Amino acid sequence: MFSVLQGVVLSPLPFPESNRLVFLWQSRPGLPEIDVSEPNFEDWQRNSRSFEQMSALEFNNFTLSYPGAAEHLLGMRVSSTFLATLKVMPVLGHDLTSDDDRPNGPPVALMSYRLWKERFSGDPQAIGRTLVLDGQTLTIFGVLPSEAGAE
């Protein structure tokens, strides 16, 4: 149990200035923590005077399908400001853009370093290729650095 506590609670997050990161959520009677709706997040982001940057994220379980197999992955859906908020840049590819936040924006994926090494053998040509998550075809636009804790 201590290793989980040490790794999750006591150790700093592997991002620059991680001591300045905070999580915000909504609550209401009987529900102490609920997801923030997109319109509320957009209002918070637009009206915030206290935060340098805001980003939305939602943890999800995904199924990665590839010829002859499928694999379950834990991932996140994030807003275009996610990497800027963490002060992290992809080691390969490019950052998200505001176009990626549009409701009918391009279906794109940012891979962890480990997934890039395991499924694409670290091939730089993985950028621009596609993968299938939960039956949806996404174009790979970037790879996170290994030190970003996304291994």
N, C-alpha and C. Protein backbone atom coordinates (compact mmCIF):
# COMPACT_ATOMS: atom_id res chain seq x y z
N MET A 1 0.82 -1.20 0.00
CA MET A 1 0.00 0.00 0.00
C MET A 1 0.86 1.25 0.00
N PHE A 2 1.98 1.22 0.71
CA PHE A 2 2.83 2.41 0.76
C PHE A 2 3.33 2.80 -0.62
N SER A 3 3.68 1.83 -1.46
CA SER A 3 4.21 2.18 -2.78
C SER A 3 3.18 2.94 -3.60
N VAL A 4 1.90 2.58 -3.47
CA VAL A 4 0.86 3.32 -4.18
C VAL A 4 0.76 4.72 -3.60
N LEU A 5 0.73 4.82 -2.28
CA LEU A 5 0.66 6.12 -1.62
C LEU A 5 1.87 6.96 -2.00
N GLN A 6 3.05 6.37 -1.94
CA GLN A 6 4.28 7.09 -2.27
C GLN A 6 4.23 7.58 -3.71
N GLY A 7 3.84 6.70 -4.64
CA GLY A 7 3.85 7.05 -6.05
C GLY A 7 2.75 8.00 -6.45
N VAL A 8 1.61 7.95 -5.78
CA VAL A 8 0.47 8.76 -6.19
C VAL A 8 0.32 10.02 -5.35
N VAL A 9 0.58 9.94 -4.06
CA VAL A 9 0.31 11.07 -3.18
C VAL A 9 1.58 11.84 -2.80
N LEU A 10 2.64 11.15 -2.44
CA LEU A 10 3.81 11.82 -1.88
C LEU A 10 4.83 12.28 -2.92
N SER A 11 4.95 11.57 -4.02
CA SER A 11 5.92 11.94 -5.05
C SER A 11 5.35 13.05 -5.92
N PRO A 12 6.20 13.98 -6.34
CA PRO A 12 5.70 15.03 -7.23
C PRO A 12 5.34 14.45 -8.59
N LEU A 13 4.38 15.07 -9.24
CA LEU A 13 4.02 14.66 -10.59
C LEU A 13 5.19 14.95 -11.52
N PRO A 14 5.35 14.16 -12.58
CA PRO A 14 6.51 14.32 -13.46
C PRO A 14 6.35 15.43 -14.50
N PHE A 15 5.91 16.60 -14.08
CA PHE A 15 5.72 17.73 -14.97
C PHE A 15 6.39 18.95 -14.38
N PRO A 16 6.86 19.87 -15.23
CA PRO A 16 7.44 21.11 -14.70
C PRO A 16 6.40 21.86 -13.85
N GLU A 17 6.84 22.41 -12.75
CA GLU A 17 5.98 23.20 -11.87
C GLU A 17 4.72 22.45 -11.44
N SER A 18 4.84 21.15 -11.23
CA SER A 18 3.67 20.35 -10.86
C SER A 18 3.04 20.78 -9.55
N ASN A 19 3.80 21.46 -8.71
CA ASN A 19 3.24 21.96 -7.45
C ASN A 19 2.22 23.08 -7.69
N ARG A 20 2.11 23.57 -8.91
CA ARG A 20 1.16 24.62 -9.24
C ARG A 20 -0.10 24.07 -9.90
N LEU A 21 -0.17 22.76 -10.12
CA LEU A 21 -1.34 22.16 -10.76
C LEU A 21 -2.44 21.90 -9.73
N VAL A 22 -3.68 22.16 -10.12
CA VAL A 22 -4.82 21.87 -9.26
C VAL A 22 -5.91 21.19 -10.09
N PHE A 23 -6.73 20.39 -9.43
CA PHE A 23 -7.89 19.78 -10.06
C PHE A 23 -9.13 20.49 -9.56
N LEU A 24 -10.04 20.78 -10.45
CA LEU A 24 -11.32 21.39 -10.09
C LEU A 24 -12.44 20.46 -10.53
N TRP A 25 -13.51 20.43 -9.76
CA TRP A 25 -14.68 19.66 -10.15
C TRP A 25 -15.91 20.33 -9.56
N GLN A 26 -17.05 19.86 -9.97
CA GLN A 26 -18.32 20.37 -9.46
C GLN A 26 -18.81 19.45 -8.36
N SER A 27 -19.72 19.96 -7.54
CA SER A 27 -20.38 19.12 -6.55
C SER A 27 -21.80 19.62 -6.38
N ARG A 28 -22.60 18.77 -5.82
CA ARG A 28 -23.96 19.15 -5.45
C ARG A 28 -24.38 18.22 -4.32
N PRO A 29 -25.44 18.54 -3.58
CA PRO A 29 -25.83 17.70 -2.44
C PRO A 29 -25.95 16.22 -2.84
N GLY A 30 -25.28 15.38 -2.09
CA GLY A 30 -25.32 13.94 -2.35
C GLY A 30 -24.28 13.46 -3.36
N LEU A 31 -23.66 14.36 -4.08
CA LEU A 31 -22.63 14.02 -5.06
C LEU A 31 -21.43 14.95 -4.85
N PRO A 32 -20.44 14.49 -4.07
CA PRO A 32 -19.33 15.36 -3.73
C PRO A 32 -18.44 15.73 -4.92
N GLU A 33 -18.29 14.86 -5.89
CA GLU A 33 -17.46 15.14 -7.05
C GLU A 33 -18.19 14.65 -8.30
N ILE A 34 -18.51 15.56 -9.20
CA ILE A 34 -19.11 15.16 -10.47
C ILE A 34 -18.34 15.82 -11.60
N ASP A 35 -18.38 15.19 -12.76
CA ASP A 35 -17.69 15.73 -13.93
C ASP A 35 -18.23 17.11 -14.25
N VAL A 36 -17.36 17.94 -14.76
CA VAL A 36 -17.73 19.28 -15.18
C VAL A 36 -18.23 19.22 -16.62
N SER A 37 -19.39 19.77 -16.87
CA SER A 37 -19.92 19.77 -18.23
C SER A 37 -19.07 20.68 -19.12
N GLU A 38 -19.09 20.41 -20.42
CA GLU A 38 -18.33 21.25 -21.35
C GLU A 38 -18.73 22.73 -21.26
N PRO A 39 -20.03 23.05 -21.26
CA PRO A 39 -20.39 24.47 -21.16
C PRO A 39 -19.87 25.12 -19.86
N ASN A 40 -19.92 24.39 -18.74
CA ASN A 40 -19.40 24.95 -17.49
C ASN A 40 -17.90 25.14 -17.57
N PHE A 41 -17.19 24.15 -18.11
CA PHE A 41 -15.74 24.29 -18.25
C PHE A 41 -15.41 25.50 -19.11
N GLU A 42 -16.10 25.67 -20.23
CA GLU A 42 -15.85 26.81 -21.11
C GLU A 42 -16.10 28.13 -20.39
N ASP A 43 -17.15 28.17 -19.54
CA ASP A 43 -17.40 29.37 -18.75
C ASP A 43 -16.26 29.61 -17.76
N TRP A 44 -15.83 28.55 -17.06
CA TRP A 44 -14.73 28.68 -16.10
C TRP A 44 -13.48 29.20 -16.81
N GLN A 45 -13.20 28.61 -17.96
CA GLN A 45 -12.00 28.96 -18.70
C GLN A 45 -12.07 30.43 -19.17
N ARG A 46 -13.18 30.83 -19.67
CA ARG A 46 -13.37 32.19 -20.19
C ARG A 46 -13.32 33.23 -19.06
N ASN A 47 -13.90 32.91 -17.91
CA ASN A 47 -14.04 33.88 -16.83
C ASN A 47 -12.95 33.81 -15.76
N SER A 48 -12.06 32.85 -15.84
CA SER A 48 -11.04 32.68 -14.81
C SER A 48 -10.05 33.84 -14.81
N ARG A 49 -9.78 34.35 -13.63
CA ARG A 49 -8.74 35.37 -13.44
C ARG A 49 -7.65 34.83 -12.51
N SER A 50 -7.85 33.62 -11.99
CA SER A 50 -6.93 33.08 -10.99
C SER A 50 -5.95 32.06 -11.54
N PHE A 51 -6.21 31.55 -12.74
CA PHE A 51 -5.38 30.47 -13.27
C PHE A 51 -4.67 30.92 -14.55
N GLU A 52 -3.43 30.52 -14.66
CA GLU A 52 -2.65 30.82 -15.85
C GLU A 52 -3.22 30.09 -17.07
N GLN A 53 -3.68 28.87 -16.88
CA GLN A 53 -4.17 28.01 -17.97
C GLN A 53 -5.16 27.03 -17.38
N MET A 54 -6.14 26.62 -18.17
CA MET A 54 -7.08 25.58 -17.74
C MET A 54 -7.21 24.55 -18.85
N SER A 55 -7.38 23.31 -18.43
CA SER A 55 -7.56 22.22 -19.38
C SER A 55 -8.58 21.25 -18.82
N ALA A 56 -9.34 20.65 -19.71
CA ALA A 56 -10.31 19.63 -19.30
C ALA A 56 -9.75 18.25 -19.63
N LEU A 57 -10.06 17.28 -18.78
CA LEU A 57 -9.67 15.91 -19.06
C LEU A 57 -10.72 14.97 -18.50
N GLU A 58 -10.81 13.83 -19.14
CA GLU A 58 -11.75 12.79 -18.71
C GLU A 58 -11.08 11.43 -18.93
N PHE A 59 -10.89 10.68 -17.85
CA PHE A 59 -10.31 9.34 -17.97
C PHE A 59 -11.33 8.40 -18.59
N ASN A 60 -10.86 7.53 -19.47
CA ASN A 60 -11.72 6.55 -20.14
C ASN A 60 -10.97 5.25 -20.34
N ASN A 61 -11.72 4.17 -20.42
CA ASN A 61 -11.17 2.90 -20.87
C ASN A 61 -11.46 2.80 -22.36
N PHE A 62 -10.46 2.43 -23.13
CA PHE A 62 -10.59 2.31 -24.57
C PHE A 62 -10.21 0.91 -25.02
N THR A 63 -10.70 0.52 -26.17
CA THR A 63 -10.25 -0.71 -26.82
C THR A 63 -9.50 -0.31 -28.07
N LEU A 64 -8.22 -0.66 -28.10
CA LEU A 64 -7.38 -0.43 -29.27
C LEU A 64 -7.46 -1.68 -30.12
N SER A 65 -7.93 -1.53 -31.35
CA SER A 65 -8.06 -2.66 -32.26
C SER A 65 -6.97 -2.58 -33.31
N TYR A 66 -6.39 -3.73 -33.61
CA TYR A 66 -5.42 -3.82 -34.69
C TYR A 66 -5.57 -5.20 -35.30
N PRO A 67 -5.04 -5.42 -36.50
CA PRO A 67 -5.28 -6.68 -37.19
C PRO A 67 -5.03 -7.91 -36.31
N GLY A 68 -6.09 -8.68 -36.12
CA GLY A 68 -6.00 -9.93 -35.40
C GLY A 68 -6.05 -9.84 -33.89
N ALA A 69 -6.20 -8.63 -33.33
CA ALA A 69 -6.19 -8.52 -31.87
C ALA A 69 -6.86 -7.23 -31.41
N ALA A 70 -7.06 -7.16 -30.10
CA ALA A 70 -7.57 -5.95 -29.46
C ALA A 70 -6.93 -5.85 -28.08
N GLU A 71 -6.82 -4.64 -27.60
CA GLU A 71 -6.16 -4.41 -26.32
C GLU A 71 -6.92 -3.32 -25.57
N HIS A 72 -7.13 -3.53 -24.28
CA HIS A 72 -7.80 -2.52 -23.45
C HIS A 72 -6.75 -1.56 -22.90
N LEU A 73 -7.04 -0.26 -23.01
CA LEU A 73 -6.12 0.77 -22.55
C LEU A 73 -6.86 1.77 -21.67
N LEU A 74 -6.15 2.34 -20.71
CA LEU A 74 -6.67 3.47 -19.96
C LEU A 74 -6.12 4.71 -20.64
N GLY A 75 -6.98 5.65 -20.94
CA GLY A 75 -6.55 6.87 -21.60
C GLY A 75 -7.38 8.04 -21.13
N MET A 76 -7.21 9.15 -21.81
CA MET A 76 -7.95 10.36 -21.46
C MET A 76 -8.41 11.06 -22.72
N ARG A 77 -9.55 11.71 -22.59
CA ARG A 77 -9.97 12.71 -23.58
C ARG A 77 -9.56 14.04 -22.95
N VAL A 78 -8.92 14.88 -23.74
CA VAL A 78 -8.41 16.14 -23.19
C VAL A 78 -8.75 17.31 -24.10
N SER A 79 -8.74 18.49 -23.54
CA SER A 79 -8.94 19.70 -24.34
C SER A 79 -7.60 20.11 -24.96
N SER A 80 -7.68 21.00 -25.93
CA SER A 80 -6.48 21.39 -26.67
C SER A 80 -5.43 22.08 -25.82
N THR A 81 -5.78 22.55 -24.65
CA THR A 81 -4.82 23.23 -23.77
C THR A 81 -4.09 22.27 -22.83
N PHE A 82 -4.35 20.98 -22.96
CA PHE A 82 -3.82 19.99 -22.02
C PHE A 82 -2.29 20.03 -21.92
N LEU A 83 -1.59 19.91 -23.04
CA LEU A 83 -0.13 19.87 -22.99
C LEU A 83 0.46 21.21 -22.53
N ALA A 84 -0.14 22.31 -22.95
CA ALA A 84 0.33 23.63 -22.51
C ALA A 84 0.16 23.79 -21.01
N THR A 85 -0.94 23.27 -20.46
CA THR A 85 -1.18 23.34 -19.02
C THR A 85 -0.10 22.58 -18.26
N LEU A 86 0.29 21.43 -18.77
CA LEU A 86 1.33 20.62 -18.12
C LEU A 86 2.74 21.09 -18.45
N LYS A 87 2.85 22.03 -19.40
CA LYS A 87 4.15 22.51 -19.88
C LYS A 87 4.98 21.36 -20.45
N VAL A 88 4.30 20.56 -21.28
CA VAL A 88 4.92 19.40 -21.91
C VAL A 88 4.71 19.50 -23.42
N MET A 89 5.71 19.15 -24.18
CA MET A 89 5.58 19.10 -25.63
C MET A 89 5.83 17.67 -26.10
N PRO A 90 5.17 17.25 -27.17
CA PRO A 90 5.41 15.91 -27.70
C PRO A 90 6.87 15.76 -28.14
N VAL A 91 7.42 14.56 -27.99
CA VAL A 91 8.77 14.29 -28.49
C VAL A 91 8.73 14.09 -29.99
N LEU A 92 7.56 13.83 -30.49
CA LEU A 92 7.37 13.60 -31.92
C LEU A 92 6.00 14.14 -32.28
N GLY A 93 5.89 14.78 -33.42
CA GLY A 93 4.61 15.31 -33.85
C GLY A 93 4.42 16.73 -33.37
N HIS A 94 3.16 17.09 -33.08
CA HIS A 94 2.86 18.47 -32.70
C HIS A 94 1.83 18.50 -31.58
N ASP A 95 1.59 19.69 -31.05
CA ASP A 95 0.63 19.91 -29.98
C ASP A 95 -0.78 19.93 -30.56
N LEU A 96 -1.77 19.83 -29.68
CA LEU A 96 -3.16 19.99 -30.09
C LEU A 96 -3.41 21.44 -30.51
N THR A 97 -4.46 21.66 -31.29
CA THR A 97 -4.85 23.00 -31.69
C THR A 97 -6.29 23.24 -31.27
N SER A 98 -6.72 24.48 -31.31
CA SER A 98 -8.11 24.78 -30.95
C SER A 98 -9.09 24.11 -31.90
N ASP A 99 -8.68 23.80 -33.13
CA ASP A 99 -9.54 23.06 -34.06
C ASP A 99 -9.89 21.68 -33.52
N ASP A 100 -9.00 21.11 -32.72
CA ASP A 100 -9.24 19.78 -32.16
C ASP A 100 -10.35 19.79 -31.12
N ASP A 101 -10.68 20.97 -30.59
CA ASP A 101 -11.75 21.10 -29.60
C ASP A 101 -13.14 21.23 -30.22
N ARG A 102 -13.21 21.51 -31.50
CA ARG A 102 -14.52 21.68 -32.14
C ARG A 102 -15.31 20.37 -32.07
N PRO A 103 -16.63 20.46 -31.90
CA PRO A 103 -17.45 19.24 -31.82
C PRO A 103 -17.23 18.28 -33.00
N ASN A 104 -17.06 18.79 -34.19
CA ASN A 104 -16.80 17.94 -35.35
C ASN A 104 -15.36 18.06 -35.82
N GLY A 105 -14.47 18.33 -34.86
CA GLY A 105 -13.05 18.48 -35.18
C GLY A 105 -12.45 17.16 -35.63
N PRO A 106 -11.22 17.21 -36.09
CA PRO A 106 -10.58 16.00 -36.59
C PRO A 106 -10.38 14.97 -35.48
N PRO A 107 -10.64 13.70 -35.76
CA PRO A 107 -10.42 12.65 -34.74
C PRO A 107 -8.92 12.34 -34.65
N VAL A 108 -8.28 12.79 -33.57
CA VAL A 108 -6.84 12.65 -33.43
C VAL A 108 -6.47 11.95 -32.13
N ALA A 109 -5.23 11.45 -32.09
CA ALA A 109 -4.75 10.73 -30.91
C ALA A 109 -3.31 11.13 -30.60
N LEU A 110 -3.04 11.31 -29.33
CA LEU A 110 -1.70 11.53 -28.80
C LEU A 110 -1.33 10.26 -28.06
N MET A 111 -0.21 9.65 -28.43
CA MET A 111 0.18 8.37 -27.82
C MET A 111 1.17 8.55 -26.69
N SER A 112 1.11 7.63 -25.74
CA SER A 112 2.15 7.57 -24.72
C SER A 112 3.42 7.04 -25.38
N TYR A 113 4.53 7.34 -24.76
CA TYR A 113 5.82 6.87 -25.26
C TYR A 113 5.84 5.34 -25.31
N ARG A 114 5.33 4.73 -24.25
CA ARG A 114 5.32 3.26 -24.18
C ARG A 114 4.50 2.64 -25.29
N LEU A 115 3.30 3.16 -25.56
CA LEU A 115 2.47 2.63 -26.64
C LEU A 115 3.17 2.79 -27.98
N TRP A 116 3.81 3.92 -28.18
CA TRP A 116 4.55 4.18 -29.42
C TRP A 116 5.67 3.15 -29.59
N LYS A 117 6.39 2.86 -28.51
CA LYS A 117 7.47 1.86 -28.59
C LYS A 117 6.93 0.46 -28.81
N GLU A 118 5.85 0.09 -28.09
CA GLU A 118 5.32 -1.27 -28.17
C GLU A 118 4.56 -1.55 -29.46
N ARG A 119 3.71 -0.64 -29.89
CA ARG A 119 2.85 -0.91 -31.05
C ARG A 119 3.42 -0.41 -32.36
N PHE A 120 4.34 0.55 -32.30
CA PHE A 120 4.89 1.13 -33.53
C PHE A 120 6.41 1.01 -33.57
N SER A 121 6.98 0.24 -32.64
CA SER A 121 8.43 0.01 -32.57
C SER A 121 9.24 1.30 -32.58
N GLY A 122 8.66 2.37 -32.04
CA GLY A 122 9.37 3.64 -32.00
C GLY A 122 9.57 4.28 -33.37
N ASP A 123 8.78 3.89 -34.34
CA ASP A 123 8.92 4.39 -35.71
C ASP A 123 8.41 5.83 -35.81
N PRO A 124 9.26 6.79 -36.20
CA PRO A 124 8.82 8.17 -36.36
C PRO A 124 7.71 8.32 -37.41
N GLN A 125 7.61 7.37 -38.31
CA GLN A 125 6.57 7.41 -39.34
C GLN A 125 5.18 7.10 -38.78
N ALA A 126 5.09 6.83 -37.47
CA ALA A 126 3.78 6.59 -36.85
C ALA A 126 2.92 7.85 -36.90
N ILE A 127 3.57 9.03 -36.89
CA ILE A 127 2.82 10.29 -36.97
C ILE A 127 2.12 10.34 -38.33
N GLY A 128 0.83 10.62 -38.27
CA GLY A 128 0.03 10.67 -39.50
C GLY A 128 -0.66 9.35 -39.82
N ARG A 129 -0.20 8.26 -39.18
CA ARG A 129 -0.88 6.97 -39.38
C ARG A 129 -2.14 6.95 -38.53
N THR A 130 -2.93 5.92 -38.69
CA THR A 130 -4.18 5.84 -37.94
C THR A 130 -4.15 4.66 -36.98
N LEU A 131 -5.02 4.76 -35.98
CA LEU A 131 -5.29 3.64 -35.10
C LEU A 131 -6.79 3.66 -34.82
N VAL A 132 -7.31 2.53 -34.34
CA VAL A 132 -8.74 2.41 -34.10
C VAL A 132 -8.98 2.25 -32.60
N LEU A 133 -9.65 3.23 -32.01
CA LEU A 133 -10.03 3.20 -30.60
C LEU A 133 -11.54 3.16 -30.52
N ASP A 134 -12.06 2.13 -29.86
CA ASP A 134 -13.51 1.97 -29.71
C ASP A 134 -14.24 2.07 -31.04
N GLY A 135 -13.63 1.51 -32.08
CA GLY A 135 -14.26 1.49 -33.40
C GLY A 135 -14.12 2.77 -34.18
N GLN A 136 -13.50 3.81 -33.61
CA GLN A 136 -13.31 5.08 -34.31
C GLN A 136 -11.87 5.19 -34.80
N THR A 137 -11.69 5.56 -36.05
CA THR A 137 -10.36 5.73 -36.62
C THR A 137 -9.84 7.12 -36.28
N LEU A 138 -8.66 7.14 -35.64
CA LEU A 138 -8.03 8.39 -35.21
C LEU A 138 -6.66 8.53 -35.88
N THR A 139 -6.28 9.74 -36.21
CA THR A 139 -4.96 10.01 -36.77
C THR A 139 -4.01 10.38 -35.64
N ILE A 140 -2.86 9.73 -35.62
CA ILE A 140 -1.85 9.98 -34.59
C ILE A 140 -1.14 11.29 -34.92
N PHE A 141 -1.15 12.23 -33.98
CA PHE A 141 -0.51 13.52 -34.22
C PHE A 141 0.71 13.74 -33.35
N GLY A 142 0.90 12.92 -32.30
CA GLY A 142 2.04 13.15 -31.44
C GLY A 142 2.31 12.01 -30.48
N VAL A 143 3.50 12.06 -29.89
CA VAL A 143 3.95 11.08 -28.89
C VAL A 143 4.45 11.85 -27.68
N LEU A 144 3.94 11.50 -26.50
CA LEU A 144 4.39 12.12 -25.26
C LEU A 144 5.80 11.69 -24.91
N PRO A 145 6.57 12.54 -24.24
CA PRO A 145 7.90 12.11 -23.78
C PRO A 145 7.78 11.08 -22.67
N SER A 146 8.74 10.18 -22.58
CA SER A 146 8.68 9.14 -21.54
C SER A 146 8.71 9.75 -20.15
N GLU A 147 9.44 10.83 -19.96
CA GLU A 147 9.54 11.45 -18.64
C GLU A 147 8.28 12.17 -18.23
N ALA A 148 7.28 12.26 -19.11
CA ALA A 148 6.01 12.90 -18.77
C ALA A 148 5.12 11.98 -17.97
N GLY A 149 5.63 10.80 -17.61
CA GLY A 149 4.86 9.89 -16.79
C GLY A 149 3.80 9.14 -17.55
N ALA A 150 3.89 9.14 -18.85
CA ALA A 150 2.88 8.48 -19.68
C ALA A 150 3.39 7.16 -20.22
N GLU A 151 4.28 6.55 -19.48
CA GLU A 151 4.81 5.27 -19.94
C GLU A 151 3.81 4.20 -19.64
